[in-house]
Every structure is written in structure tokens, then in C-alpha cells.
PDB file of N, CA and C in Angstrom:
ATOM      1  N   MET A   1       0.923  11.225 -18.921  1.00  0.00           N
ATOM      2  CA  MET A   1       1.279  11.553 -20.647  1.00  0.00           C
ATOM      3  C   MET A   1      -0.102  10.663 -21.246  1.00  0.00           C
ATOM      4  N   SER A   2      -0.768  11.476 -21.944  1.00  0.00           N
ATOM      5  CA  SER A   2      -1.656  10.029 -23.234  1.00  0.00           C
ATOM      6  C   SER A   2      -1.746  10.132 -24.475  1.00  0.00           C
ATOM      7  N   VAL A   3      -2.253   9.522 -24.954  1.00  0.00           N
ATOM      8  CA  VAL A   3      -2.195   8.866 -26.437  1.00  0.00           C
ATOM      9  C   VAL A   3      -3.335   9.731 -27.086  1.00  0.00           C
ATOM     10  N   ASP A   4      -3.331   9.982 -28.451  1.00  0.00           N
ATOM     11  CA  ASP A   4      -4.560  10.680 -28.946  1.00  0.00           C
ATOM     12  C   ASP A   4      -4.508   9.535 -30.648  1.00  0.00           C
ATOM     13  N   ALA A   5      -5.516   9.595 -31.064  1.00  0.00           N
ATOM     14  CA  ALA A   5      -6.117   8.713 -32.033  1.00  0.00           C
ATOM     15  C   ALA A   5      -4.824   8.495 -33.236  1.00  0.00           C
ATOM     16  N   ASP A   6      -4.155   9.857 -33.495  1.00  0.00           N
ATOM     17  CA  ASP A   6      -3.343   9.955 -34.379  1.00  0.00           C
ATOM     18  C   ASP A   6      -2.133   8.902 -33.888  1.00  0.00           C
ATOM     19  N   THR A   7      -2.046   8.892 -32.608  1.00  0.00           N
ATOM     20  CA  THR A   7      -0.861   8.160 -32.088  1.00  0.00           C
ATOM     21  C   THR A   7      -1.253   6.657 -32.007  1.00  0.00           C
ATOM     22  N   VAL A   8      -1.915   6.303 -32.043  1.00  0.00           N
ATOM     23  CA  VAL A   8      -2.740   5.275 -31.820  1.00  0.00           C
ATOM     24  C   VAL A   8      -2.560   4.446 -32.995  1.00  0.00           C
ATOM     25  N   ARG A   9      -2.995   5.324 -33.757  1.00  0.00           N
ATOM     26  CA  ARG A   9      -2.575   4.467 -35.814  1.00  0.00           C
ATOM     27  C   ARG A   9      -1.478   4.734 -35.928  1.00  0.00           C
ATOM     28  N   ARG A  10      -0.514   5.571 -35.734  1.00  0.00           N
ATOM     29  CA  ARG A  10       0.575   5.402 -35.887  1.00  0.00           C
ATOM     30  C   ARG A  10       1.338   4.031 -35.080  1.00  0.00           C
ATOM     31  N   ILE A  11       1.014   4.114 -33.761  1.00  0.00           N
ATOM     32  CA  ILE A  11       1.416   2.583 -33.284  1.00  0.00           C
ATOM     33  C   ILE A  11       1.019   1.669 -34.194  1.00  0.00           C
ATOM     34  N   ALA A  12      -0.352   1.107 -34.278  1.00  0.00           N
ATOM     35  CA  ALA A  12      -0.756   0.170 -35.215  1.00  0.00           C
ATOM     36  C   ALA A  12      -0.143   0.320 -36.763  1.00  0.00           C
ATOM     37  N   HIS A  13       0.334   1.236 -37.122  1.00  0.00           N
ATOM     38  CA  HIS A  13       0.811   1.283 -38.258  1.00  0.00           C
ATOM     39  C   HIS A  13       2.284   0.758 -37.813  1.00  0.00           C
ATOM     40  N   LEU A  14       3.215   0.785 -37.516  1.00  0.00           N
ATOM     41  CA  LEU A  14       4.878   0.372 -36.662  1.00  0.00           C
ATOM     42  C   LEU A  14       4.475  -0.963 -36.341  1.00  0.00           C
ATOM     43  N   ALA A  15       3.794  -1.511 -35.529  1.00  0.00           N
ATOM     44  CA  ALA A  15       3.230  -2.629 -35.348  1.00  0.00           C
ATOM     45  C   ALA A  15       2.450  -3.658 -36.587  1.00  0.00           C
ATOM     46  N   ARG A  16       2.405  -3.171 -37.443  1.00  0.00           N
ATOM     47  CA  ARG A  16       2.106  -4.019 -38.725  1.00  0.00           C
ATOM     48  C   ARG A  16       0.355  -4.257 -38.659  1.00  0.00           C
ATOM     49  N   ILE A  17      -0.683  -3.642 -37.734  1.00  0.00           N
ATOM     50  CA  ILE A  17      -1.868  -3.783 -36.997  1.00  0.00           C
ATOM     51  C   ILE A  17      -2.912  -3.268 -37.629  1.00  0.00           C
ATOM     52  N   GLY A  18      -3.658  -3.758 -38.894  1.00  0.00           N
ATOM     53  CA  GLY A  18      -4.398  -3.099 -39.046  1.00  0.00           C
ATOM     54  C   GLY A  18      -5.430  -3.042 -38.131  1.00  0.00           C
ATOM     55  N   VAL A  19      -5.752  -1.896 -38.288  1.00  0.00           N
ATOM     56  CA  VAL A  19      -7.136  -1.254 -36.787  1.00  0.00           C
ATOM     57  C   VAL A  19      -7.641  -0.442 -37.785  1.00  0.00           C
ATOM     58  N   LYS A  20      -9.090  -0.435 -37.218  1.00  0.00           N
ATOM     59  CA  LYS A  20     -10.547   0.386 -38.262  1.00  0.00           C
ATOM     60  C   LYS A  20     -10.874   1.273 -37.385  1.00  0.00           C
ATOM     61  N   ASP A  21     -11.495   2.364 -38.350  1.00  0.00           N
ATOM     62  CA  ASP A  21     -11.227   3.251 -37.447  1.00  0.00           C
ATOM     63  C   ASP A  21     -12.200   3.545 -36.112  1.00  0.00           C
ATOM     64  N   SER A  22     -13.539   2.736 -36.576  1.00  0.00           N
ATOM     65  CA  SER A  22     -14.359   1.933 -35.412  1.00  0.00           C
ATOM     66  C   SER A  22     -13.573   1.660 -33.955  1.00  0.00           C
ATOM     67  N   GLU A  23     -12.388   0.764 -34.203  1.00  0.00           N
ATOM     68  CA  GLU A  23     -11.568   0.458 -32.864  1.00  0.00           C
ATOM     69  C   GLU A  23     -10.519   1.671 -31.986  1.00  0.00           C
ATOM     70  N   ILE A  24     -10.245   2.539 -32.586  1.00  0.00           N
ATOM     71  CA  ILE A  24      -9.361   4.056 -32.642  1.00  0.00           C
ATOM     72  C   ILE A  24      -9.680   3.915 -30.938  1.00  0.00           C
ATOM     73  N   ALA A  25     -10.866   4.372 -30.570  1.00  0.00           N
ATOM     74  CA  ALA A  25     -11.345   5.204 -29.875  1.00  0.00           C
ATOM     75  C   ALA A  25     -10.950   3.941 -28.512  1.00  0.00           C
ATOM     76  N   HIS A  26     -11.459   2.749 -28.518  1.00  0.00           N
ATOM     77  CA  HIS A  26     -11.030   1.631 -27.346  1.00  0.00           C
ATOM     78  C   HIS A  26      -9.894   1.451 -27.507  1.00  0.00           C
ATOM     79  N   LEU A  27      -9.132   1.068 -28.610  1.00  0.00           N
ATOM     80  CA  LEU A  27      -8.043   1.159 -28.319  1.00  0.00           C
ATOM     81  C   LEU A  27      -6.609   1.927 -27.552  1.00  0.00           C
ATOM     82  N   GLN A  28      -7.091   3.576 -27.521  1.00  0.00           N
ATOM     83  CA  GLN A  28      -6.774   4.562 -27.154  1.00  0.00           C
ATOM     84  C   GLN A  28      -6.558   4.585 -25.293  1.00  0.00           C
ATOM     85  N   GLY A  29      -8.055   4.117 -25.357  1.00  0.00           N
ATOM     86  CA  GLY A  29      -8.450   3.885 -23.999  1.00  0.00           C
ATOM     87  C   GLY A  29      -7.751   3.118 -23.500  1.00  0.00           C
ATOM     88  N   GLU A  30      -7.243   1.708 -23.690  1.00  0.00           N
ATOM     89  CA  GLU A  30      -5.963   0.732 -23.609  1.00  0.00           C
ATOM     90  C   GLU A  30      -5.208   1.109 -23.086  1.00  0.00           C
ATOM     91  N   LEU A  31      -4.780   1.936 -24.510  1.00  0.00           N
ATOM     92  CA  LEU A  31      -2.968   2.418 -24.000  1.00  0.00           C
ATOM     93  C   LEU A  31      -2.810   3.414 -22.916  1.00  0.00           C
ATOM     94  N   ASN A  32      -4.156   4.088 -22.919  1.00  0.00           N
ATOM     95  CA  ASN A  32      -3.916   4.999 -21.545  1.00  0.00           C
ATOM     96  C   ASN A  32      -3.957   4.833 -20.602  1.00  0.00           C
ATOM     97  N   ALA A  33      -4.741   3.411 -20.738  1.00  0.00           N
ATOM     98  CA  ALA A  33      -5.004   2.847 -18.873  1.00  0.00           C
ATOM     99  C   ALA A  33      -3.448   2.339 -19.277  1.00  0.00           C
ATOM    100  N   MET A  34      -2.394   1.537 -19.663  1.00  0.00           N
ATOM    101  CA  MET A  34      -1.252   1.002 -19.772  1.00  0.00           C
ATOM    102  C   MET A  34      -0.791   2.388 -19.383  1.00  0.00           C
ATOM    103  N   LEU A  35      -0.301   3.237 -19.835  1.00  0.00           N
ATOM    104  CA  LEU A  35       0.650   4.248 -19.494  1.00  0.00           C
ATOM    105  C   LEU A  35       0.134   4.690 -18.197  1.00  0.00           C
ATOM    106  N   LYS A  36      -0.626   4.813 -17.905  1.00  0.00           N
ATOM    107  CA  LYS A  36      -1.294   5.256 -16.283  1.00  0.00           C
ATOM    108  C   LYS A  36      -0.628   4.304 -15.605  1.00  0.00           C
ATOM    109  N   PHE A  37      -1.325   2.999 -15.252  1.00  0.00           N
ATOM    110  CA  PHE A  37      -0.480   1.829 -15.065  1.00  0.00           C
ATOM    111  C   PHE A  37       1.096   1.688 -14.434  1.00  0.00           C
ATOM    112  N   VAL A  38       1.550   2.257 -15.710  1.00  0.00           N
ATOM    113  CA  VAL A  38       2.916   2.342 -15.455  1.00  0.00           C
ATOM    114  C   VAL A  38       3.621   3.520 -14.584  1.00  0.00           C
ATOM    115  N   GLU A  39       3.209   4.503 -14.840  1.00  0.00           N
ATOM    116  CA  GLU A  39       3.200   6.438 -14.302  1.00  0.00           C
ATOM    117  C   GLU A  39       2.952   5.664 -12.802  1.00  0.00           C
ATOM    118  N   GLN A  40       1.714   4.862 -12.217  1.00  0.00           N
ATOM    119  CA  GLN A  40       1.894   4.403 -10.927  1.00  0.00           C
ATOM    120  C   GLN A  40       2.893   3.799 -10.512  1.00  0.00           C
ATOM    121  N   LEU A  41       3.953   2.408 -11.528  1.00  0.00           N
ATOM    122  CA  LEU A  41       4.952   1.820 -10.973  1.00  0.00           C
ATOM    123  C   LEU A  41       6.016   2.668 -10.861  1.00  0.00           C
ATOM    124  N   GLU A  42       6.035   3.580 -11.833  1.00  0.00           N
ATOM    125  CA  GLU A  42       7.211   4.762 -11.822  1.00  0.00           C
ATOM    126  C   GLU A  42       7.163   5.798 -10.213  1.00  0.00           C
ATOM    127  N   GLU A  43       6.389   5.477  -9.528  1.00  0.00           N
ATOM    128  CA  GLU A  43       5.680   6.339  -8.339  1.00  0.00           C
ATOM    129  C   GLU A  43       6.979   5.013  -6.984  1.00  0.00           C
ATOM    130  N   VAL A  44       6.677   3.847  -7.457  1.00  0.00           N
ATOM    131  CA  VAL A  44       7.082   3.268  -6.410  1.00  0.00           C
ATOM    132  C   VAL A  44       8.816   3.301  -6.003  1.00  0.00           C
ATOM    133  N   ASP A  45       9.020   3.082  -4.640  1.00  0.00           N
ATOM    134  CA  ASP A  45      10.290   3.342  -4.406  1.00  0.00           C
ATOM    135  C   ASP A  45      11.547   1.984  -4.305  1.00  0.00           C
ATOM    136  N   VAL A  46      11.874   1.675  -4.992  1.00  0.00           N
ATOM    137  CA  VAL A  46      12.821   0.662  -5.308  1.00  0.00           C
ATOM    138  C   VAL A  46      14.246   0.716  -4.385  1.00  0.00           C
ATOM    139  N   ASP A  47      14.709   1.888  -4.262  1.00  0.00           N
ATOM    140  CA  ASP A  47      15.882   2.072  -3.584  1.00  0.00           C
ATOM    141  C   ASP A  47      16.226   1.132  -2.604  1.00  0.00           C
ATOM    142  N   GLY A  48      17.480   0.380  -2.781  1.00  0.00           N
ATOM    143  CA  GLY A  48      18.053  -0.708  -2.040  1.00  0.00           C
ATOM    144  C   GLY A  48      17.466  -1.920  -2.462  1.00  0.00           C
ATOM    145  N   VAL A  49      16.543  -1.829  -3.213  1.00  0.00           N
ATOM    146  CA  VAL A  49      16.033  -3.589  -3.863  1.00  0.00           C
ATOM    147  C   VAL A  49      16.810  -4.386  -4.954  1.00  0.00           C
ATOM    148  N   GLU A  50      17.041  -5.310  -4.917  1.00  0.00           N
ATOM    149  CA  GLU A  50      18.062  -6.052  -5.787  1.00  0.00           C
ATOM    150  C   GLU A  50      17.140  -6.406  -6.720  1.00  0.00           C
ATOM    151  N   PRO A  51      17.788  -6.938  -7.927  1.00  0.00           N
ATOM    152  CA  PRO A  51      17.088  -6.870  -9.245  1.00  0.00           C
ATOM    153  C   PRO A  51      16.940  -8.856  -8.947  1.00  0.00           C
ATOM    154  N   MET A  52      15.957  -9.315  -9.056  1.00  0.00           N
ATOM    155  CA  MET A  52      15.384 -10.599  -9.163  1.00  0.00           C
ATOM    156  C   MET A  52      15.788 -11.321 -10.423  1.00  0.00           C
ATOM    157  N   THR A  53      16.447 -12.383 -10.501  1.00  0.00           N
ATOM    158  CA  THR A  53      16.046 -13.234 -11.524  1.00  0.00           C
ATOM    159  C   THR A  53      14.764 -14.161 -11.653  1.00  0.00           C
ATOM    160  N   SER A  54      14.243 -14.424 -10.660  1.00  0.00           N
ATOM    161  CA  SER A  54      13.260 -15.160 -10.026  1.00  0.00           C
ATOM    162  C   SER A  54      12.469 -15.025  -8.789  1.00  0.00           C
ATOM    163  N   VAL A  55      10.620 -15.598  -8.503  1.00  0.00           N
ATOM    164  CA  VAL A  55      10.637 -14.691  -7.745  1.00  0.00           C
ATOM    165  C   VAL A  55      11.251 -16.097  -6.098  1.00  0.00           C
ATOM    166  N   THR A  56      11.679 -16.907  -6.708  1.00  0.00           N
ATOM    167  CA  THR A  56      11.951 -18.359  -5.800  1.00  0.00           C
ATOM    168  C   THR A  56      13.873 -17.795  -6.008  1.00  0.00           C
ATOM    169  N   PRO A  57      14.348 -17.625  -4.643  1.00  0.00           N
ATOM    170  CA  PRO A  57      15.702 -17.590  -5.356  1.00  0.00           C
ATOM    171  C   PRO A  57      16.367 -19.110  -5.559  1.00  0.00           C
ATOM    172  N   MET A  58      17.328 -18.940  -6.707  1.00  0.00           N
ATOM    173  CA  MET A  58      17.867 -19.993  -7.346  1.00  0.00           C
ATOM    174  C   MET A  58      19.375 -19.012  -7.975  1.00  0.00           C
ATOM    175  N   ALA A  59      20.538 -19.923  -8.220  1.00  0.00           N
ATOM    176  CA  ALA A  59      21.201 -20.022  -8.622  1.00  0.00           C
ATOM    177  C   ALA A  59      21.234 -19.445 -10.127  1.00  0.00           C
ATOM    178  N   MET A  60      21.784 -18.634 -10.990  1.00  0.00           N
ATOM    179  CA  MET A  60      22.366 -18.413 -12.424  1.00  0.00           C
ATOM    180  C   MET A  60      23.112 -19.958 -12.444  1.00  0.00           C
ATOM    181  N   LYS A  61      22.418 -20.465 -14.029  1.00  0.00           N
ATOM    182  CA  LYS A  61      23.467 -21.556 -14.090  1.00  0.00           C
ATOM    183  C   LYS A  61      24.491 -20.991 -15.240  1.00  0.00           C
ATOM    184  N   MET A  62      26.102 -21.690 -15.171  1.00  0.00           N
ATOM    185  CA  MET A  62      26.910 -21.342 -15.404  1.00  0.00           C
ATOM    186  C   MET A  62      26.793 -22.020 -17.019  1.00  0.00           C
ATOM    187  N   ARG A  63      27.249 -21.309 -17.991  1.00  0.00           N
ATOM    188  CA  ARG A  63      27.835 -22.170 -19.296  1.00  0.00           C
ATOM    189  C   ARG A  63      28.898 -22.676 -19.380  1.00  0.00           C
TER     190      ARG A  63
END
């Protein structure tokens, strides 16, 4: 999946971020790099891996 300039403008509008036209190409590259990384993470086999609450083993506090 890749992001085009119109999508970058829409994301900026939804996030209420003022983006100049000169910044669109840079942001487009950044968003595409993020999406590529997420696509790589989807390829990782996580079957049988239990979710973690922390990197160190610890019990959740009871309220």
C-alpha cells in the first residue's frame, strides 16, 4: 500500500496539522516508509506467542 499526495493532505487535515505544499513529498515518503515497516511486521509468524504486558515478567496489579 502506498500513500499519494491527496491522502497526505487528508491525513494532515484530519490530524489538524498545517502542512505546506512543499512538505507534502517529504511526508509522503515518511508515511510510505512507515506503512512498509508495518507490512514487514505482518510477515512475522507469531503463532503460539503469548501477549506480553512488559519486557520483564511481572504480574498485573489487582485493583
